[in-house]
C-alpha atoms as a PDB file:
ATOM      1  CA  MET A   1     100.671  94.815 102.626  1.00  0.00           C
ATOM      2  CA  ASN A   2      97.957  93.137 100.638  1.00  0.00           C
ATOM      3  CA  GLY A   3      98.641  89.419 100.729  1.00  0.00           C
ATOM      4  CA  HIS A   4     100.983  88.224  98.019  1.00  0.00           C
ATOM      5  CA  HIS A   5      99.768  90.670  95.379  1.00  0.00           C
ATOM      6  CA  PHE A   6     101.962  93.563  96.349  1.00  0.00           C
ATOM      7  CA  ALA A   7     104.110  94.905  95.796  1.00  0.00           C
ATOM      8  CA  GLY A   8     109.334 102.763  74.173  1.00  0.00           C
ATOM      9  CA  SER A   9     107.540 105.285  72.874  1.00  0.00           C
ATOM     10  CA  TRP A  10     108.741 108.657  71.653  1.00  0.00           C
ATOM     11  CA  CYS A  11     108.137 111.724  73.772  1.00  0.00           C
ATOM     12  CA  LYS A  12     105.730 114.284  72.454  1.00  0.00           C
ATOM     13  CA  ASP A  13     108.534 116.744  71.674  1.00  0.00           C
ATOM     14  CA  GLY A  14     110.480 114.139  69.692  1.00  0.00           C
ATOM     15  CA  ALA A  15     113.019 113.267  72.401  1.00  0.00           C
ATOM     16  CA  MET A  16     113.575 109.632  73.342  1.00  0.00           C
ATOM     17  CA  PRO A  17     112.415 108.754  76.873  1.00  0.00           C
ATOM     18  CA  SER A  18     115.116 107.655  79.284  1.00  0.00           C
ATOM     19  CA  ALA A  19     115.758 103.990  80.065  1.00  0.00           C
ATOM     20  CA  ASN A  20     114.587 104.451  83.669  1.00  0.00           C
ATOM     21  CA  HIS A  21     111.323 106.020  82.492  1.00  0.00           C
ATOM     22  CA  ASP A  22     110.634 103.182  80.030  1.00  0.00           C
ATOM     23  CA  ALA A  23     111.519 100.485  82.571  1.00  0.00           C
ATOM     24  CA  LEU A  24     109.107 101.899  85.139  1.00  0.00           C
ATOM     25  CA  VAL A  25     106.268 102.205  82.607  1.00  0.00           C
ATOM     26  CA  LYS A  26     106.952  98.675  81.334  1.00  0.00           C
ATOM     27  CA  MET A  27     106.797  97.216  84.848  1.00  0.00           C
ATOM     28  CA  MET A  28     103.512  98.992  85.562  1.00  0.00           C
ATOM     29  CA  THR A  29     102.096  97.919  82.196  1.00  0.00           C
ATOM     30  CA  GLU A  30     102.967  94.278  82.743  1.00  0.00           C
ATOM     31  CA  ARG A  31     100.688  94.009  85.799  1.00  0.00           C
ATOM     32  CA  PRO A  32      97.958  96.685  85.749  1.00  0.00           C
ATOM     33  CA  ALA A  33      96.694  95.706  89.215  1.00  0.00           C
ATOM     34  CA  LEU A  34      99.959  97.003  90.695  1.00  0.00           C
ATOM     35  CA  ALA A  35      98.824 100.613  90.235  1.00  0.00           C
ATOM     36  CA  VAL A  36      95.615  99.894  92.138  1.00  0.00           C
ATOM     37  CA  GLU A  37      97.560  98.184  94.936  1.00  0.00           C
ATOM     38  CA  LEU A  38     100.040 101.049  95.219  1.00  0.00           C
ATOM     39  CA  LEU A  39      97.239 103.603  95.402  1.00  0.00           C
ATOM     40  CA  GLY A  40      95.271 101.636  97.974  1.00  0.00           C
ATOM     41  CA  THR A  41      98.130 100.457 100.178  1.00  0.00           C
ATOM     42  CA  LEU A  42     100.501 103.427 100.081  1.00  0.00           C
ATOM     43  CA  LYS A  43      98.145 106.346  99.429  1.00  0.00           C
ATOM     44  CA  GLY A  44      94.956 105.105 101.058  1.00  0.00           C
ATOM     45  CA  ALA A  45      92.946 105.761  97.890  1.00  0.00           C
ATOM     46  CA  LYS A  46      89.397 104.411  97.932  1.00  0.00           C
ATOM     47  CA  LEU A  47      89.057 102.808  94.508  1.00  0.00           C
ATOM     48  CA  PRO A  48      86.297 100.524  93.241  1.00  0.00           C
ATOM     49  CA  GLU A  49      86.967  96.817  93.739  1.00  0.00           C
ATOM     50  CA  THR A  50      87.174  94.787  90.556  1.00  0.00           C
ATOM     51  CA  PRO A  51      89.379  92.059  89.067  1.00  0.00           C
ATOM     52  CA  LEU A  52      88.825  93.628  85.645  1.00  0.00           C
ATOM     53  CA  ILE A  53      91.713  96.023  85.012  1.00  0.00           C
ATOM     54  CA  ARG A  54      93.120  96.536  81.536  1.00  0.00           C
ATOM     55  CA  VAL A  55      95.628  98.693  79.720  1.00  0.00           C
ATOM     56  CA  GLU A  56      93.980 101.307  77.502  1.00  0.00           C
ATOM     57  CA  ASN A  57      95.269 103.358  74.591  1.00  0.00           C
ATOM     58  CA  PRO A  58      97.119 106.254  76.288  1.00  0.00           C
ATOM     59  CA  SER A  59      96.447 108.799  73.534  1.00  0.00           C
ATOM     60  CA  PHE A  60      93.818 111.469  74.047  1.00  0.00           C
ATOM     61  CA  SER A  61      92.921 113.076  70.738  1.00  0.00           C
ATOM     62  CA  THR A  62      91.131 116.315  71.566  1.00  0.00           C
ATOM     63  CA  ARG A  63      91.147 117.584  68.023  1.00  0.00           C
ATOM     64  CA  ARG A  64      92.780 116.492  64.788  1.00  0.00           C
ATOM     65  CA  SER A  65      95.758 118.792  65.176  1.00  0.00           C
ATOM     66  CA  ASP A  66      96.430 118.143  68.837  1.00  0.00           C
ATOM     67  CA  ASP A  67      97.129 114.654  70.202  1.00  0.00           C
ATOM     68  CA  ILE A  68      98.309 114.187  73.775  1.00  0.00           C
ATOM     69  CA  SER A  69      99.531 110.947  75.304  1.00  0.00           C
ATOM     70  CA  ALA A  70     100.036 109.784  78.874  1.00  0.00           C
ATOM     71  CA  ASP A  71     102.575 107.144  79.876  1.00  0.00           C
ATOM     72  CA  LEU A  72      99.977 104.556  80.837  1.00  0.00           C
ATOM     73  CA  VAL A  73      96.180 104.429  81.068  1.00  0.00           C
ATOM     74  CA  LEU A  74      94.372 101.694  82.998  1.00  0.00           C
ATOM     75  CA  MET A  75      90.647 101.080  82.898  1.00  0.00           C
ATOM     76  CA  MET A  76      88.758  99.396  85.726  1.00  0.00           C
ATOM     77  CA  GLY A  77      85.634  97.455  84.846  1.00  0.00           C
ATOM     78  CA  ALA A  78      84.334  95.634  81.815  1.00  0.00           C
ATOM     79  CA  PRO A  79      85.228  96.981  78.347  1.00  0.00           C
ATOM     80  CA  ASP A  80      81.660  98.167  77.836  1.00  0.00           C
ATOM     81  CA  HIS A  81      81.261  99.524  81.363  1.00  0.00           C
ATOM     82  CA  ALA A  82      84.385 101.162  82.800  1.00  0.00           C
ATOM     83  CA  PHE A  83      83.728 102.809  86.173  1.00  0.00           C
ATOM     84  CA  HIS A  84      87.199 104.170  87.009  1.00  0.00           C
ATOM     85  CA  ALA A  85      90.381 105.065  85.152  1.00  0.00           C
ATOM     86  CA  ILE A  86      93.967 105.479  86.335  1.00  0.00           C
ATOM     87  CA  ILE A  87      96.568 107.545  84.505  1.00  0.00           C
ATOM     88  CA  VAL A  88     100.124 106.558  85.472  1.00  0.00           C
ATOM     89  CA  GLU A  89     102.959 109.017  84.844  1.00  0.00           C
ATOM     90  CA  ALA A  90     106.655 108.319  85.488  1.00  0.00           C
ATOM     91  CA  GLN A  91     108.448 111.594  86.225  1.00  0.00           C
ATOM     92  CA  PHE A  92     112.212 111.708  86.741  1.00  0.00           C
ATOM     93  CA  ASP A  93     112.374 115.507  86.591  1.00  0.00           C
ATOM     94  CA  ARG A  94     109.995 118.502  86.509  1.00  0.00           C
ATOM     95  CA  SER A  95     109.884 118.928  82.747  1.00  0.00           C
ATOM     96  CA  LYS A  96     106.182 118.117  82.424  1.00  0.00           C
ATOM     97  CA  GLU A  97     103.852 121.026  83.050  1.00  0.00           C
ATOM     98  CA  PRO A  98     101.478 119.969  85.880  1.00  0.00           C
ATOM     99  CA  LYS A  99      98.536 121.443  83.966  1.00  0.00           C
ATOM    100  CA  GLN A 100      99.115 118.718  81.389  1.00  0.00           C
ATOM    101  CA  LEU A 101      98.149 116.132  84.003  1.00  0.00           C
ATOM    102  CA  ALA A 102      94.871 117.967  84.576  1.00  0.00           C
ATOM    103  CA  ARG A 103      94.366 117.979  80.828  1.00  0.00           C
ATOM    104  CA  TYR A 104      94.956 114.212  80.646  1.00  0.00           C
ATOM    105  CA  ALA A 105      92.378 113.595  83.355  1.00  0.00           C
ATOM    106  CA  ALA A 106      89.792 115.854  81.733  1.00  0.00           C
ATOM    107  CA  ALA A 107      90.271 114.285  78.300  1.00  0.00           C
ATOM    108  CA  LEU A 108      89.946 110.760  79.687  1.00  0.00           C
ATOM    109  CA  TRP A 109      86.883 111.738  81.723  1.00  0.00           C
ATOM    110  CA  LEU A 110      85.246 113.077  78.562  1.00  0.00           C
ATOM    111  CA  MET A 111      86.146 109.987  76.539  1.00  0.00           C
ATOM    112  CA  GLN A 112      85.257 107.310  79.105  1.00  0.00           C
ATOM    113  CA  GLN A 113      82.681 109.172  81.220  1.00  0.00           C
ATOM    114  CA  CYS A 114      84.057 107.824  84.498  1.00  0.00           C
ATOM    115  CA  ASP A 115      86.094 109.111  87.418  1.00  0.00           C
ATOM    116  CA  VAL A 116      89.867 109.401  86.896  1.00  0.00           C
ATOM    117  CA  THR A 117      92.840 109.113  89.272  1.00  0.00           C
ATOM    118  CA  VAL A 118      96.259 110.421  88.244  1.00  0.00           C
ATOM    119  CA  LEU A 119      99.196 108.514  89.767  1.00  0.00           C
ATOM    120  CA  VAL A 120     102.645 110.114  89.430  1.00  0.00           C
ATOM    121  CA  ILE A 121     105.743 108.144  90.432  1.00  0.00           C
ATOM    122  CA  CYS A 122     108.830 110.259  91.193  1.00  0.00           C
ATOM    123  CA  PRO A 123     112.105 108.868  92.608  1.00  0.00           C
ATOM    124  CA  ASN A 124     113.257 112.362  93.578  1.00  0.00           C
ATOM    125  CA  ARG A 125     111.750 113.993  96.682  1.00  0.00           C
ATOM    126  CA  LYS A 126     111.669 117.534  95.219  1.00  0.00           C
ATOM    127  CA  ASP A 127     110.014 116.314  92.021  1.00  0.00           C
ATOM    128  CA  ALA A 128     107.416 114.427  94.079  1.00  0.00           C
ATOM    129  CA  ALA A 129     106.586 117.570  96.076  1.00  0.00           C
ATOM    130  CA  HIS A 130     106.284 119.546  92.820  1.00  0.00           C
ATOM    131  CA  TYR A 131     103.607 117.232  91.403  1.00  0.00           C
ATOM    132  CA  ALA A 132     101.869 116.698  94.749  1.00  0.00           C
ATOM    133  CA  ALA A 133     100.749 120.333  94.906  1.00  0.00           C
ATOM    134  CA  PRO A 134      97.138 120.993  93.839  1.00  0.00           C
ATOM    135  CA  ILE A 135      97.050 121.684  90.094  1.00  0.00           C
ATOM    136  CA  GLU A 136      95.068 124.663  88.904  1.00  0.00           C
ATOM    137  CA  SER A 137      93.862 123.675  85.462  1.00  0.00           C
ATOM    138  CA  GLY A 138      92.949 127.191  84.329  1.00  0.00           C
ATOM    139  CA  LEU A 139      89.297 126.143  84.110  1.00  0.00           C
ATOM    140  CA  THR A 140      87.214 127.753  86.854  1.00  0.00           C
ATOM    141  CA  GLY A 141      86.290 125.207  89.499  1.00  0.00           C
ATOM    142  CA  TYR A 142      88.552 122.457  88.165  1.00  0.00           C
ATOM    143  CA  ARG A 143      91.548 121.696  90.360  1.00  0.00           C
ATOM    144  CA  LEU A 144      93.330 118.360  90.116  1.00  0.00           C
ATOM    145  CA  GLN A 145      95.011 116.637  93.036  1.00  0.00           C
ATOM    146  CA  ALA A 146      97.353 113.958  91.711  1.00  0.00           C
ATOM    147  CA  GLN A 147      98.331 110.970  93.828  1.00  0.00           C
ATOM    148  CA  VAL A 148     102.144 111.049  93.999  1.00  0.00           C
ATOM    149  CA  LEU A 149     104.468 108.253  95.090  1.00  0.00           C
ATOM    150  CA  GLY A 150     107.942 109.454  96.044  1.00  0.00           C
ATOM    151  CA  PRO A 151     110.728 108.384  98.410  1.00  0.00           C
ATOM    152  CA  ASP A 152     108.565 109.226 101.430  1.00  0.00           C
ATOM    153  CA  ASP A 153     105.814 106.896 100.199  1.00  0.00           C
ATOM    154  CA  ILE A 154     107.809 103.890  98.939  1.00  0.00           C
ATOM    155  CA  PRO A 155     109.614 102.489 102.000  1.00  0.00           C
ATOM    156  CA  PRO A 156     113.238 101.316 101.931  1.00  0.00           C
ATOM    157  CA  ILE A 157     112.872  97.526 101.839  1.00  0.00           C
ATOM    158  CA  ILE A 158     115.565  95.897 103.973  1.00  0.00           C
ATOM    159  CA  ASP A 159     113.726  92.696 104.900  1.00  0.00           C
ATOM    160  CA  SER A 160     114.708  89.929 102.471  1.00  0.00           C
ATOM    161  CA  LYS A 161     111.480  87.937 102.903  1.00  0.00           C
ATOM    162  CA  LEU A 162     109.346  91.002 102.293  1.00  0.00           C
ATOM    163  CA  ALA A 163     111.440  91.832  99.234  1.00  0.00           C
ATOM    164  CA  ALA A 164     111.165  88.275  97.871  1.00  0.00           C
ATOM    165  CA  ASP A 165     107.386  88.216  98.429  1.00  0.00           C
ATOM    166  CA  HIS A 166     106.906  91.635  96.813  1.00  0.00           C
ATOM    167  CA  LEU A 167     109.505  91.996  94.068  1.00  0.00           C
ATOM    168  CA  GLU A 168     107.737  94.936  92.457  1.00  0.00           C
ATOM    169  CA  LEU A 169     107.806  96.940  95.665  1.00  0.00           C
ATOM    170  CA  ALA A 170     111.446  95.922  96.224  1.00  0.00           C
ATOM    171  CA  THR A 171     112.262  97.093  92.692  1.00  0.00           C
ATOM    172  CA  LEU A 172     110.636 100.460  93.341  1.00  0.00           C
ATOM    173  CA  SER A 173     112.512 100.646  96.627  1.00  0.00           C
ATOM    174  CA  VAL A 174     115.820 100.268  94.767  1.00  0.00           C
ATOM    175  CA  MET A 175     114.766 103.073  92.423  1.00  0.00           C
ATOM    176  CA  MET A 176     113.827 105.336  95.344  1.00  0.00           C
ATOM    177  CA  HIS A 177     116.483 104.396  97.904  1.00  0.00           C
ATOM    178  CA  GLY A 178     119.307 102.854  95.862  1.00  0.00           C
ATOM    179  CA  ARG A 179     121.947 104.908  97.668  1.00  0.00           C
ATOM    180  CA  ASN A 180     121.203 102.833 100.753  1.00  0.00           C
ATOM    181  CA  ARG A 181     123.489  99.820 100.364  1.00  0.00           C
ATOM    182  CA  LYS A 182     121.268  97.657 102.562  1.00  0.00           C
ATOM    183  CA  VAL A 183     118.322  98.206 100.209  1.00  0.00           C
ATOM    184  CA  VAL A 184     120.353  97.028  97.206  1.00  0.00           C
ATOM    185  CA  GLU A 185     121.794  94.061  99.127  1.00  0.00           C
ATOM    186  CA  THR A 186     118.282  93.031 100.187  1.00  0.00           C
ATOM    187  CA  PHE A 187     117.034  93.280  96.604  1.00  0.00           C
ATOM    188  CA  ALA A 188     119.961  91.185  95.300  1.00  0.00           C
ATOM    189  CA  GLU A 189     119.220  88.547  97.944  1.00  0.00           C
ATOM    190  CA  ALA A 190     115.525  88.525  97.038  1.00  0.00           C
ATOM    191  CA  ILE A 191     116.358  88.085  93.351  1.00  0.00           C
ATOM    192  CA  ARG A 192     118.669  85.181  94.210  1.00  0.00           C
ATOM    193  CA  ASP A 193     115.886  83.420  96.146  1.00  0.00           C
ATOM    194  CA  SER A 194     113.079  84.119  93.655  1.00  0.00           C
ATOM    195  CA  PRO A 195     111.819  81.702  90.974  1.00  0.00           C
ATOM    196  CA  PHE A 196     114.144  81.915  87.991  1.00  0.00           C
ATOM    197  CA  GLU A 197     111.459  83.177  85.607  1.00  0.00           C
ATOM    198  CA  HIS A 198     111.100  86.349  87.714  1.00  0.00           C
ATOM    199  CA  ARG A 199     114.797  87.111  88.057  1.00  0.00           C
ATOM    200  CA  PRO A 200     115.787  88.569  84.667  1.00  0.00           C
ATOM    201  CA  LYS A 201     112.921  91.018  84.288  1.00  0.00           C
ATOM    202  CA  TYR A 202     112.984  92.438  87.818  1.00  0.00           C
ATOM    203  CA  TYR A 203     116.765  92.726  87.864  1.00  0.00           C
ATOM    204  CA  GLU A 204     116.563  94.551  84.529  1.00  0.00           C
ATOM    205  CA  TYR A 205     113.762  96.813  85.801  1.00  0.00           C
ATOM    206  CA  ALA A 206     115.765  97.749  88.907  1.00  0.00           C
ATOM    207  CA  TYR A 207     118.946  98.314  86.929  1.00  0.00           C
ATOM    208  CA  ASN A 208     117.304 100.441  84.233  1.00  0.00           C
ATOM    209  CA  MET A 209     115.195 102.460  86.695  1.00  0.00           C
ATOM    210  CA  SER A 210     118.185 103.335  88.850  1.00  0.00           C
ATOM    211  CA  THR A 211     120.710 106.156  88.837  1.00  0.00           C
ATOM    212  CA  PRO A 212     124.273 105.435  87.594  1.00  0.00           C
ATOM    213  CA  GLU A 213     125.402 105.384  91.228  1.00  0.00           C
ATOM    214  CA  THR A 214     122.879 102.678  92.131  1.00  0.00           C
ATOM    215  CA  ARG A 215     123.752 100.693  89.004  1.00  0.00           C
ATOM    216  CA  ARG A 216     127.387 100.623  90.077  1.00  0.00           C
ATOM    217  CA  LEU A 217     126.295  99.422  93.512  1.00  0.00           C
ATOM    218  CA  LEU A 218     124.146  96.673  91.977  1.00  0.00           C
ATOM    219  CA  LYS A 219     127.110  95.582  89.902  1.00  0.00           C
ATOM    220  CA  GLU A 220     129.498  95.639  92.863  1.00  0.00           C
ATOM    221  CA  ILE A 221     127.174  93.688  95.161  1.00  0.00           C
ATOM    222  CA  SER A 222     126.347  91.118  92.485  1.00  0.00           C
ATOM    223  CA  MET A 223     129.983  90.471  91.623  1.00  0.00           C
ATOM    224  CA  SER A 224     131.167  90.311  95.238  1.00  0.00           C
ATOM    225  CA  SER A 225     128.641  87.620  96.127  1.00  0.00           C
ATOM    226  CA  THR A 226     128.712  83.942  95.217  1.00  0.00           C
ATOM    227  CA  TYR A 227     125.735  84.621  92.975  1.00  0.00           C
ATOM    228  CA  TRP A 228     126.395  86.747  89.917  1.00  0.00           C
ATOM    229  CA  PRO A 229     123.220  86.950  87.802  1.00  0.00           C
ATOM    230  CA  VAL A 230     124.117  85.955  84.256  1.00  0.00           C
ATOM    231  CA  PHE A 231     121.093  87.914  83.045  1.00  0.00           C
ATOM    232  CA  SER A 232     122.329  91.232  84.455  1.00  0.00           C
ATOM    233  CA  PRO A 233     123.188  93.872  81.829  1.00  0.00           C
ATOM    234  CA  PHE A 234     126.903  93.856  82.630  1.00  0.00           C
ATOM    235  CA  ALA A 235     127.071  90.039  82.642  1.00  0.00           C
ATOM    236  CA  LYS A 236     125.338  89.804  79.271  1.00  0.00           C
ATOM    237  CA  GLU A 237     127.691  92.401  77.833  1.00  0.00           C
ATOM    238  CA  HIS A 238     130.728  90.553  79.179  1.00  0.00           C
ATOM    239  CA  TYR A 239     129.422  87.188  77.952  1.00  0.00           C
ATOM    240  CA  GLY A 240     128.715  88.565  74.482  1.00  0.00           C
ATOM    241  CA  ARG A 241     132.177  90.112  74.287  1.00  0.00           C
ATOM    242  CA  GLY A 242     133.839  86.820  75.245  1.00  0.00           C
ATOM    243  CA  LYS A 243     131.874  84.771  72.755  1.00  0.00           C
ATOM    244  CA  ALA A 244     132.475  87.280  69.963  1.00  0.00           C
ATOM    245  CA  GLU A 245     136.198  87.299  70.682  1.00  0.00           C
ATOM    246  CA  GLY A 246     136.351  83.512  70.600  1.00  0.00           C
ATOM    247  CA  GLU A 247     134.432  83.325  67.338  1.00  0.00           C
ATOM    248  CA  ALA A 248     136.635  86.004  65.789  1.00  0.00           C
ATOM    249  CA  ILE A 249     139.804  84.123  66.727  1.00  0.00           C
ATOM    250  CA  GLY A 250     138.321  80.885  65.451  1.00  0.00           C
ATOM    251  CA  LYS A 251     137.365  82.456  62.145  1.00  0.00           C
ATOM    252  CA  ALA A 252     140.775  84.064  61.734  1.00  0.00           C
ATOM    253  CA  GLU A 253     142.605  80.800  62.382  1.00  0.00           C
ATOM    254  CA  GLY A 254     140.062  78.668  60.601  1.00  0.00           C
ATOM    255  CA  LYS A 255     139.975  75.927  63.240  1.00  0.00           C
ATOM    256  CA  ALA A 256     138.314  74.952  66.524  1.00  0.00           C
ATOM    257  CA  GLU A 257     141.476  75.691  68.470  1.00  0.00           C
ATOM    258  CA  GLY A 258     141.111  79.376  67.656  1.00  0.00           C
ATOM    259  CA  LYS A 259     137.581  79.539  69.066  1.00  0.00           C
ATOM    260  CA  ALA A 260     138.699  77.559  72.117  1.00  0.00           C
ATOM    261  CA  GLU A 261     141.504  80.026  72.757  1.00  0.00           C
ATOM    262  CA  GLY A 262     139.087  82.959  72.727  1.00  0.00           C
ATOM    263  CA  LEU A 263     136.622  81.213  75.040  1.00  0.00           C
ATOM    264  CA  ALA A 264     139.370  80.276  77.476  1.00  0.00           C
ATOM    265  CA  LYS A 265     140.496  83.899  77.563  1.00  0.00           C
ATOM    266  CA  ALA A 266     136.895  85.027  78.201  1.00  0.00           C
ATOM    267  CA  ILE A 267     136.594  82.616  81.149  1.00  0.00           C
ATOM    268  CA  LEU A 268     139.807  83.817  82.749  1.00  0.00           C
ATOM    269  CA  THR A 269     138.825  87.435  82.177  1.00  0.00           C
ATOM    270  CA  THR A 270     135.449  86.851  83.837  1.00  0.00           C
ATOM    271  CA  LEU A 271     137.032  85.181  86.869  1.00  0.00           C
ATOM    272  CA  ALA A 272     139.487  88.064  87.184  1.00  0.00           C
ATOM    273  CA  PHE A 273     136.665  90.574  86.751  1.00  0.00           C
ATOM    274  CA  ARG A 274     134.868  88.903  89.662  1.00  0.00           C
ATOM    275  CA  GLN A 275     138.081  89.062  91.717  1.00  0.00           C
ATOM    276  CA  LEU A 276     138.202  85.299  92.216  1.00  0.00           C
ATOM    277  CA  ASP A 277     141.526  83.639  92.902  1.00  0.00           C
ATOM    278  CA  VAL A 278     142.574  81.377  90.000  1.00  0.00           C
ATOM    279  CA  PRO A 279     145.128  78.694  91.031  1.00  0.00           C
ATOM    280  CA  ASP A 280     147.733  77.712  88.471  1.00  0.00           C
ATOM    281  CA  ASP A 281     146.231  74.247  87.922  1.00  0.00           C
ATOM    282  CA  VAL A 282     142.813  75.774  87.191  1.00  0.00           C
ATOM    283  CA  ARG A 283     144.317  78.320  84.813  1.00  0.00           C
ATOM    284  CA  GLU A 284     146.234  75.552  83.034  1.00  0.00           C
ATOM    285  CA  ARG A 285     143.159  73.352  82.698  1.00  0.00           C
ATOM    286  CA  ILE A 286     141.137  76.177  81.167  1.00  0.00           C
ATOM    287  CA  SER A 287     143.922  77.340  78.842  1.00  0.00           C
ATOM    288  CA  SER A 288     144.771  73.852  77.604  1.00  0.00           C
ATOM    289  CA  CYS A 289     141.186  72.787  76.885  1.00  0.00           C
ATOM    290  CA  THR A 290     140.485  72.565  73.133  1.00  0.00           C
ATOM    291  CA  ASP A 291     136.800  71.577  73.334  1.00  0.00           C
ATOM    292  CA  PRO A 292     134.657  74.666  72.529  1.00  0.00           C
ATOM    293  CA  MET A 293     131.489  73.053  73.934  1.00  0.00           C
ATOM    294  CA  GLN A 294     133.175  72.338  77.265  1.00  0.00           C
ATOM    295  CA  LEU A 295     134.562  75.864  77.371  1.00  0.00           C
ATOM    296  CA  GLU A 296     131.092  77.294  76.637  1.00  0.00           C
ATOM    297  CA  THR A 297     129.807  75.385  79.676  1.00  0.00           C
ATOM    298  CA  TRP A 298     132.591  76.739  81.852  1.00  0.00           C
ATOM    299  CA  LEU A 299     132.009  80.260  80.539  1.00  0.00           C
ATOM    300  CA  ASN A 300     128.347  80.077  81.550  1.00  0.00           C
ATOM    301  CA  ARG A 301     129.350  78.853  85.007  1.00  0.00           C
ATOM    302  CA  SER A 302     132.020  81.535  85.390  1.00  0.00           C
ATOM    303  CA  TYR A 303     129.334  84.171  86.070  1.00  0.00           C
ATOM    304  CA  THR A 304     127.961  82.420  89.161  1.00  0.00           C
ATOM    305  CA  THR A 305     130.654  80.079  90.443  1.00  0.00           C
ATOM    306  CA  PRO A 306     131.652  80.724  94.082  1.00  0.00           C
ATOM    307  CA  ALA A 307     135.271  79.728  93.341  1.00  0.00           C
ATOM    308  CA  ALA A 308     137.386  79.194  90.253  1.00  0.00           C
ATOM    309  CA  ASP A 309     137.838  75.451  90.743  1.00  0.00           C
ATOM    310  CA  ALA A 310     134.073  75.006  91.156  1.00  0.00           C
ATOM    311  CA  LEU A 311     133.772  75.594  87.406  1.00  0.00           C
ATOM    312  CA  PHE A 312     134.463  71.903  86.969  1.00  0.00           C
ATOM    313  CA  ASP A 313     131.806  70.672  89.402  1.00  0.00           C
ATOM    314  CA  GLU A 314     129.193  68.229  88.128  1.00  0.00           C
ATOM    315  CA  ASP A 315     126.329  67.615  90.566  1.00  0.00           C
ATOM    316  CA  GLY A 316     128.564  68.578  93.450  1.00  0.00           C
ATOM    317  CA  GLU A 317     131.456  66.368  92.323  1.00  0.00           C
ATOM    318  CA  LYS A 318     134.627  67.714  90.707  1.00  0.00           C
ATOM    319  CA  THR A 319     135.472  66.218  87.364  1.00  0.00           C
ATOM    320  CA  PHE A 320     139.213  66.178  87.942  1.00  0.00           C
END
């Protein structure tokens, strides 16, 4: 690995891209150097060395009636002197005609007058093999060889330190190998130990880039641990539902007690959802509380508390 650096738009036919496609493109867009690192470390590509890497307009207008757009275009070098370009494509099936990739590369070469590498990321092994084959463009003498990253190129990350040091690679590993429970457990552990500002976005990337089966596994592992990320999609949905229910009850009854009742119900539902044991005294304390602000605090804690009675902890000390 390379030190500590490692690791929506509408489709052209009018269809909305999938959430996993958009999440992958967004992650690659956020840190353009990641594409260079993936190519160099995992594919052995010999690319020019430069700290100047920027996101470029991905549209290639070849004539007024025919616009084509790639998922992501990165330019290496100064704005007035680019010496290499990388086209990144996220492919979750084989719907894109490989010749289109050759067309992208040719159009960008004409526009920027520099060499072009096409990087295709495919979580499915058969799709990766499809795009890894040499692409005959139809133009005599022009054959494109795309650089493809599939399950055989992105390793299953099961070392928690490696995952924590290289969250992007760990995220891609979940996308590629999410059926391997150990990979998902390692990712969840790395997220838990990472700086808080990194947690929401990488958890969301992994969740959105994954198959429904892997999403269920992420949810199961998160809820069965003592650390349940409040920023996870299912936690945010549950939190929003609880707050909305409390506010609706409060509005209907026209008093704070109504909101408190809804919040108390949301807390108990969350604890039950996480399969935590709720002793009678804890249930009574939550249900009898009439302070909405206190209940909001307990609701926030209910997503991560290791035990029901730990809801009431303040700096390690119980408040009752």
